Structures are given as structure tokens and as C-alpha cells.
Amino acid sequence: MTGGAGFIGSNLVRALVGLHHKVVVLDDLSTGLESNLDGTGAELVLGSIADPLAVDSAVRGADAIVHLAARGSVPRSIQEPEATHLVNATGTLNVLAAARTTGAHVIFSSSSSVYGANTVLPKREEMWMQPISPYAASKMAAESYALAYREVYDMDVLVLRFFNVYGPWQRPDHDYAAVIPRFAWNGLHGLPIEIHGDGNQTRDFTHVDSVVAVIIDALDRRFGWQTPVNLAFGQSISVNDVIAELNRQLGIVMEVVSLAARAGDVRNSMNDPALLTELFPQARAIAFSEGIASVLDWLR
């Protein structure tokens, strides 16, 4: 697994180890933490997916590769587009090349950000894409490589487009932290929160447990598909809704600092889960209130 010391990866590692799978993690710890793997028994290989030799070493003998490693954050990609491309696009090409050699099943985590300037809701897999950030462009390139390898090399490949995944083990303490963990952390500590824009921008927030369950189902079936599959359940939740739910569960009213909207941010995002539920009939959404409670419990 690439990126297994990160947020989604560490949740997936725990689930796989609990099912008695042997897990090898390749991670450069640029955003993940070695301590996230404490007690799991997973083997950690320190290295970057941008290094083909590190990738080859880590995946040797693997039956499957869950490729989660990425250089995230739209703002960071705008500041450092070349570095974002190197990891997200070229790094994915390295993973695919290694998988082709070993015959491994590949599950790749893409992003709903690829839709970009397409404002039609809900999102469906066949819609046109127009990335509006280097991050989104790098993810579009990577998923295109993944599907091309599937076609020309007859590989078992599944591309999953994630929509704003949240849950336990998501860090609140770095410059590019996601909204939910950062807001929750600040709320727990009586600190103000910052909103870029008016707060009415919406996301299809998806709990990490739902994501992990879909990935494990795909691994069990060695499932591949000819197009990307959106992984979200059609929940339209605004940033203001996030704040309201946190205030309700914490019994407080957080101080809000309003800032200008950020370049490259998509205004609204929501999935049509028809294909997801057709291909993964056991997939289940977790109620947002329950998901927020899980984040607060973990942060405490």
C-alpha cells in the first residue's frame, strides 16, 4: 500500500490487518506519521513513489496494490505545480509499471476535483472533466494512466474518485489540514476558525469507514472496472453545516473569521451514487452526525 501511514491508509491498514492480511506500506512520511502504524504489525518501507526503485522494492511479491500516496492540497499545488505532478502523475506511473511486472491488482485513489469547472450536479462518471488546479490536473493524468494500463496491458485496475473523505486519524495540525479536523480541533480548544468564502460551498463528505469497506470489497473480489467509480453517497453538506454540527455536538458557538475565497477551489460537489451502489451493493453511507462524533472522539 502506498501512503499507508496517512489518514485513509492507516484506517485501511488496521482493517486489513484485522482480516489477517499481510500489509507492506510505502510512505515517505511527508504528511503521514510512523506512529499511525503503531501496533498494526504492518511493514513500513520509507520511500517515495517518485522513486521507481523504492516502489519496485516495496511491491515485490504483492498480490494487490492500494495506491493512496499523493501530494494533496489545491493551494499547495498552485504554489508547487511541478512537485505535485512528480508525485501524483509520475509517481502513479511508477506504481503501475511495478504492478505490471508483478501482476498485482491495482486500486488507485483519484479525486472528484477532476470535474473542476463542470458545475453540473450531481456528478456522474461519464461527465466531462476540466481541472481548475494543478492538483486536479495531476489526478486526471494519473487516473488516465491507470485506465490506459488496464486496457493495453490487460491489468486488473480500479480507479476510485474520492469526495472529501473525513474521519479518525485525519490530522488537524499542518498547513493544509482539511476543514473538518481543523474546525473540530479548534472547537475543542476554544480557538477561532477561518472560512474561505461565504461558507455556503458544499461537499459530499464521506466517512473513511465507508471508503475502507469499498476498498476491501474490491480487494476481495480483485475487482476492476473500465471507468472511474465515484466514491460518495450524494450528501450535500456546506461548510456552514459543518460548523453548525460541531457547535451542536460541542455545545458552543465557534468564532468565525471570514477570508477571501481561494483560487482553484470548486464551489459545489456532490455525487450521484448510482454506479457505486450497482458495483458495490454493500456500500453504506455513515450519517454525518455520527461521523462528526467519531472525529471528536478521536481528537479527544
Protein backbone atom coordinates (compact mmCIF):
# COMPACT_ATOMS: atom_id res chain seq x y z
CA MET A 1 0.00 0.00 0.00
CA THR A 2 1.35 3.41 -0.89
CA GLY A 3 0.62 6.25 1.54
CA GLY A 4 -0.35 3.77 4.24
CA ALA A 5 0.93 5.94 7.10
CA GLY A 6 -1.53 8.69 6.20
CA PHE A 7 -5.14 9.24 7.14
CA ILE A 8 -7.04 6.89 4.83
CA GLY A 9 -4.12 4.49 4.64
CA SER A 10 -3.77 3.94 8.37
CA ASN A 11 -7.51 3.24 8.66
CA LEU A 12 -7.24 0.73 5.82
CA VAL A 13 -4.12 -0.89 7.30
CA ARG A 14 -5.92 -1.54 10.58
CA ALA A 15 -8.88 -3.07 8.79
CA LEU A 16 -6.71 -5.31 6.58
CA VAL A 17 -4.51 -6.48 9.44
CA GLY A 18 -7.68 -7.25 11.39
CA LEU A 19 -8.65 -9.54 8.49
CA HIS A 20 -5.22 -11.25 8.72
CA HIS A 21 -3.73 -9.77 5.57
CA LYS A 22 -0.01 -9.05 5.36
CA VAL A 23 0.46 -5.36 4.64
CA VAL A 24 3.57 -3.56 3.39
CA VAL A 25 3.40 0.23 3.44
CA LEU A 26 5.47 2.53 1.22
CA ASP A 27 5.43 6.07 2.63
CA ASP A 28 7.84 8.99 2.70
CA LEU A 29 6.14 10.39 5.84
CA SER A 30 5.76 13.80 4.20
CA THR A 31 2.25 14.00 5.66
CA GLY A 32 1.76 10.59 7.25
CA LEU A 33 3.15 9.55 10.62
CA GLU A 34 5.06 6.39 11.51
CA SER A 35 3.13 6.33 14.79
CA ASN A 36 -0.10 5.85 12.80
CA LEU A 37 1.05 2.28 12.19
CA ASP A 38 1.96 1.50 15.81
CA GLY A 39 0.58 -1.83 16.89
CA THR A 40 -0.61 -2.85 13.42
CA GLY A 41 2.26 -5.16 12.52
CA ALA A 42 2.43 -3.64 9.05
CA GLU A 43 5.89 -3.37 7.49
CA LEU A 44 6.92 0.22 6.72
CA VAL A 45 9.24 0.92 3.79
CA LEU A 46 10.48 4.51 3.85
CA GLY A 47 10.50 5.96 0.36
CA SER A 48 8.65 7.99 -2.25
CA ILE A 49 6.54 6.79 -5.14
CA ALA A 50 8.57 9.26 -7.21
CA ASP A 51 11.49 6.80 -6.81
CA PRO A 52 10.97 3.76 -9.09
CA LEU A 53 13.47 1.67 -7.13
CA ALA A 54 11.62 2.29 -3.86
CA VAL A 55 8.34 1.32 -5.50
CA ASP A 56 9.80 -1.85 -7.01
CA SER A 57 11.24 -2.87 -3.65
CA ALA A 58 8.03 -2.26 -1.72
CA VAL A 59 5.63 -4.06 -4.07
CA ARG A 60 7.76 -7.12 -4.77
CA GLY A 61 5.58 -10.19 -4.27
CA ALA A 62 2.38 -8.19 -3.67
CA ASP A 63 -0.95 -9.62 -4.78
CA ALA A 64 -2.55 -6.17 -4.72
CA ILE A 65 -1.50 -2.53 -4.50
CA VAL A 66 -3.75 0.10 -2.99
CA HIS A 67 -2.25 3.33 -4.26
CA LEU A 68 -3.18 6.14 -1.85
CA ALA A 69 0.04 8.16 -1.81
CA ALA A 70 -0.33 11.66 -3.21
CA ARG A 71 0.80 15.22 -2.81
CA GLY A 72 -2.50 16.72 -1.69
CA SER A 73 -3.93 20.23 -1.31
CA VAL A 74 -5.11 22.55 -4.06
CA PRO A 75 -3.31 25.61 -2.58
CA ARG A 76 -0.01 23.73 -2.32
CA SER A 77 -0.33 22.52 -5.92
CA ILE A 78 -0.77 26.13 -7.06
CA GLN A 79 2.42 27.06 -5.24
CA GLU A 80 4.37 23.97 -6.36
CA PRO A 81 2.83 22.51 -9.54
CA GLU A 82 5.94 20.63 -10.66
CA ALA A 83 6.33 18.83 -7.34
CA THR A 84 2.63 17.93 -7.40
CA HIS A 85 2.93 16.46 -10.90
CA LEU A 86 6.06 14.49 -9.99
CA VAL A 87 4.37 12.67 -7.13
CA ASN A 88 0.80 12.39 -8.36
CA ALA A 89 1.30 11.69 -12.06
CA THR A 90 4.83 10.32 -12.46
CA GLY A 91 4.60 8.52 -9.11
CA THR A 92 1.43 6.77 -10.24
CA LEU A 93 3.15 5.75 -13.47
CA ASN A 94 5.91 4.19 -11.35
CA VAL A 95 3.34 2.24 -9.34
CA LEU A 96 1.61 1.00 -12.48
CA ALA A 97 4.91 -0.08 -14.03
CA ALA A 98 5.77 -2.07 -10.93
CA ALA A 99 2.31 -3.64 -10.82
CA ARG A 100 2.61 -4.66 -14.44
CA THR A 101 5.79 -6.55 -13.58
CA THR A 102 4.34 -8.32 -10.54
CA GLY A 103 0.82 -8.89 -11.86
CA ALA A 104 -0.73 -7.11 -8.89
CA HIS A 105 -4.30 -5.87 -8.73
CA VAL A 106 -4.25 -2.04 -8.50
CA ILE A 107 -6.74 0.23 -6.75
CA PHE A 108 -5.98 3.90 -7.33
CA SER A 109 -7.41 6.81 -5.37
CA SER A 110 -8.32 9.68 -7.67
CA SER A 111 -10.31 12.77 -6.74
CA SER A 112 -13.63 14.45 -7.51
CA SER A 113 -11.57 17.58 -8.16
CA VAL A 114 -11.05 16.33 -11.74
CA TYR A 115 -14.53 17.64 -12.63
CA GLY A 116 -13.32 21.17 -11.89
CA ALA A 117 -15.18 23.76 -13.96
CA ASN A 118 -18.06 21.37 -14.65
CA THR A 119 -20.75 22.77 -12.34
CA VAL A 120 -23.49 20.23 -13.13
CA LEU A 121 -24.71 18.33 -10.06
CA PRO A 122 -24.79 15.57 -9.10
CA LYS A 123 -21.55 14.27 -10.56
CA ARG A 124 -21.65 11.17 -12.73
CA GLU A 125 -18.67 9.26 -14.01
CA GLU A 126 -19.37 9.95 -17.69
CA MET A 127 -19.37 13.74 -17.26
CA TRP A 128 -16.73 15.92 -18.90
CA MET A 129 -13.79 16.99 -16.78
CA GLN A 130 -11.96 20.32 -16.70
CA PRO A 131 -9.49 20.60 -13.79
CA ILE A 132 -9.02 24.10 -12.38
CA SER A 133 -5.93 23.40 -10.25
CA PRO A 134 -2.59 21.64 -10.81
CA TYR A 135 -3.64 19.10 -8.15
CA ALA A 136 -6.78 18.19 -10.10
CA ALA A 137 -4.84 18.06 -13.38
CA SER A 138 -2.28 15.69 -11.85
CA LYS A 139 -5.05 13.40 -10.60
CA MET A 140 -6.71 13.40 -14.01
CA ALA A 141 -3.40 12.47 -15.63
CA ALA A 142 -2.84 9.69 -13.09
CA GLU A 143 -6.25 8.11 -13.50
CA SER A 144 -5.85 8.30 -17.28
CA TYR A 145 -2.59 6.37 -16.99
CA ALA A 146 -4.26 3.80 -14.73
CA LEU A 147 -7.08 3.14 -17.17
CA ALA A 148 -4.69 3.10 -20.14
CA TYR A 149 -2.56 0.45 -18.42
CA ARG A 150 -5.71 -1.55 -17.76
CA GLU A 151 -6.57 -1.54 -21.45
CA VAL A 152 -3.23 -2.09 -23.14
CA TYR A 153 -1.62 -4.42 -20.58
CA ASP A 154 -4.78 -6.29 -19.50
CA MET A 155 -4.26 -5.38 -15.85
CA ASP A 156 -6.81 -5.55 -13.04
CA VAL A 157 -7.23 -1.85 -12.22
CA LEU A 158 -9.90 0.06 -10.32
CA VAL A 159 -9.96 3.87 -10.15
CA LEU A 160 -11.96 5.29 -7.26
CA ARG A 161 -12.71 9.02 -7.17
CA PHE A 162 -12.83 10.14 -3.55
CA PHE A 163 -15.07 13.01 -2.43
CA ASN A 164 -13.81 14.81 0.71
CA VAL A 165 -13.10 11.84 2.95
CA TYR A 166 -13.04 12.53 6.70
CA GLY A 167 -12.81 10.61 9.95
CA PRO A 168 -10.42 9.47 12.70
CA TRP A 169 -6.66 9.73 12.07
CA GLN A 170 -7.06 12.79 9.84
CA ARG A 171 -4.51 15.33 11.04
CA PRO A 172 -5.61 18.82 12.09
CA ASP A 173 -2.10 20.10 12.71
CA HIS A 174 -0.48 21.01 9.40
CA ASP A 175 -0.72 23.92 6.97
CA TYR A 176 -3.00 22.10 4.54
CA ALA A 177 -5.27 20.35 7.03
CA ALA A 178 -8.80 19.59 5.82
CA VAL A 179 -11.79 21.56 7.08
CA ILE A 180 -13.38 19.01 9.41
CA PRO A 181 -10.36 18.03 11.54
CA ARG A 182 -9.12 21.62 11.74
CA PHE A 183 -12.52 23.04 12.71
CA ALA A 184 -13.08 20.21 15.21
CA TRP A 185 -9.65 20.72 16.78
CA ASN A 186 -10.16 24.46 17.10
CA GLY A 187 -13.60 23.94 18.57
CA LEU A 188 -12.25 21.58 21.19
CA HIS A 189 -9.62 24.17 22.16
CA GLY A 190 -11.76 27.30 22.05
CA LEU A 191 -9.94 28.72 19.03
CA PRO A 192 -11.47 30.70 16.14
CA ILE A 193 -11.92 29.09 12.73
CA GLU A 194 -11.28 30.54 9.28
CA ILE A 195 -13.70 30.23 6.37
CA HIS A 196 -12.63 30.95 2.80
CA GLY A 197 -15.68 32.43 1.08
CA ASP A 198 -19.22 32.60 2.45
CA GLY A 199 -19.38 29.07 3.86
CA ASN A 200 -22.19 28.04 1.53
CA GLN A 201 -19.84 25.98 -0.65
CA THR A 202 -20.85 22.32 -0.45
CA ARG A 203 -19.06 18.98 -0.40
CA ASP A 204 -20.12 15.33 -0.43
CA PHE A 205 -18.33 14.45 2.81
CA THR A 206 -17.66 10.70 3.00
CA HIS A 207 -16.64 8.90 6.18
CA VAL A 208 -13.42 6.93 5.96
CA ASP A 209 -15.09 3.73 7.20
CA SER A 210 -17.29 3.72 4.08
CA VAL A 211 -14.22 4.16 1.88
CA VAL A 212 -12.33 1.37 3.64
CA ALA A 213 -15.27 -1.01 3.25
CA VAL A 214 -15.46 -0.40 -0.53
CA ILE A 215 -11.71 -0.90 -0.97
CA ILE A 216 -11.75 -4.17 0.97
CA ASP A 217 -14.71 -5.41 -1.07
CA ALA A 218 -12.81 -4.59 -4.27
CA LEU A 219 -9.69 -6.36 -2.98
CA ASP A 220 -11.63 -9.46 -2.00
CA ARG A 221 -13.12 -9.71 -5.49
CA ARG A 222 -9.99 -8.49 -7.32
CA PHE A 223 -12.42 -6.10 -8.91
CA GLY A 224 -11.54 -3.84 -11.80
CA TRP A 225 -13.68 -1.53 -13.91
CA GLN A 226 -13.33 0.22 -17.26
CA THR A 227 -14.16 3.69 -15.96
CA PRO A 228 -13.50 5.57 -12.72
CA VAL A 229 -16.06 4.98 -9.97
CA ASN A 230 -17.13 7.91 -7.79
CA LEU A 231 -16.99 7.01 -4.10
CA ALA A 232 -19.54 9.18 -2.30
CA PHE A 233 -23.20 8.88 -1.41
CA GLY A 234 -24.92 12.05 -2.60
CA GLN A 235 -24.81 14.07 0.63
CA SER A 236 -24.64 17.83 0.02
CA ILE A 237 -23.15 19.43 3.13
CA SER A 238 -21.99 23.03 3.30
CA VAL A 239 -19.09 24.39 5.31
CA ASN A 240 -21.68 26.24 7.38
CA ASP A 241 -23.43 22.90 8.02
CA VAL A 242 -20.11 21.51 9.31
CA ILE A 243 -19.79 24.43 11.73
CA ALA A 244 -23.39 24.07 12.90
CA GLU A 245 -22.98 20.35 13.61
CA LEU A 246 -19.74 20.91 15.50
CA ASN A 247 -21.34 23.70 17.53
CA ARG A 248 -24.27 21.41 18.34
CA GLN A 249 -22.12 18.49 19.47
CA LEU A 250 -19.66 20.67 21.39
CA GLY A 251 -22.34 22.88 22.90
CA ILE A 252 -20.53 26.06 21.85
CA VAL A 253 -20.61 28.79 19.20
CA MET A 254 -17.25 28.98 17.46
CA GLU A 255 -15.81 32.35 16.46
CA VAL A 256 -15.63 32.56 12.66
CA VAL A 257 -13.09 34.62 10.71
CA SER A 258 -14.13 35.22 7.09
CA LEU A 259 -11.44 35.22 4.40
CA ALA A 260 -11.48 35.55 0.62
CA ALA A 261 -12.36 32.51 -1.47
CA ARG A 262 -9.32 30.53 -2.62
CA ALA A 263 -8.20 30.13 -6.22
CA GLY A 264 -8.71 26.63 -7.60
CA ASP A 265 -11.46 25.65 -5.15
CA VAL A 266 -14.58 24.03 -6.59
CA ARG A 267 -17.77 25.76 -5.39
CA ASN A 268 -20.03 22.72 -5.05
CA SER A 269 -19.52 18.98 -5.24
CA MET A 270 -21.98 16.10 -4.87
CA ASN A 271 -22.01 12.60 -6.32
CA ASP A 272 -24.68 10.51 -7.98
CA PRO A 273 -24.00 7.15 -6.28
CA ALA A 274 -25.84 5.02 -8.87
CA LEU A 275 -22.74 3.30 -10.27
CA LEU A 276 -21.16 2.91 -6.83
CA THR A 277 -24.21 1.15 -5.41
CA GLU A 278 -24.56 -1.01 -8.54
CA LEU A 279 -20.98 -2.25 -8.35
CA PHE A 280 -20.71 -2.26 -4.54
CA PRO A 281 -24.21 -3.10 -3.26
CA GLN A 282 -22.95 -3.45 0.32
CA ALA A 283 -21.58 0.12 0.36
CA ARG A 284 -23.18 2.24 3.05
CA ALA A 285 -23.04 5.91 3.97
CA ILE A 286 -22.47 6.91 7.57
CA ALA A 287 -24.70 9.66 8.94
CA PHE A 288 -22.85 12.96 9.10
CA SER A 289 -23.68 13.49 12.77
CA GLU A 290 -22.27 10.06 13.58
CA GLY A 291 -19.18 10.76 11.51
CA ILE A 292 -18.52 14.09 13.25
CA ALA A 293 -18.90 12.36 16.61
CA SER A 294 -16.22 9.86 15.60
CA VAL A 295 -13.83 12.68 14.69
CA LEU A 296 -14.39 14.46 18.01
CA ASP A 297 -13.96 11.23 19.98
CA TRP A 298 -10.65 10.51 18.24
CA LEU A 299 -9.33 14.05 18.67
CA ARG A 300 -10.19 13.97 22.37
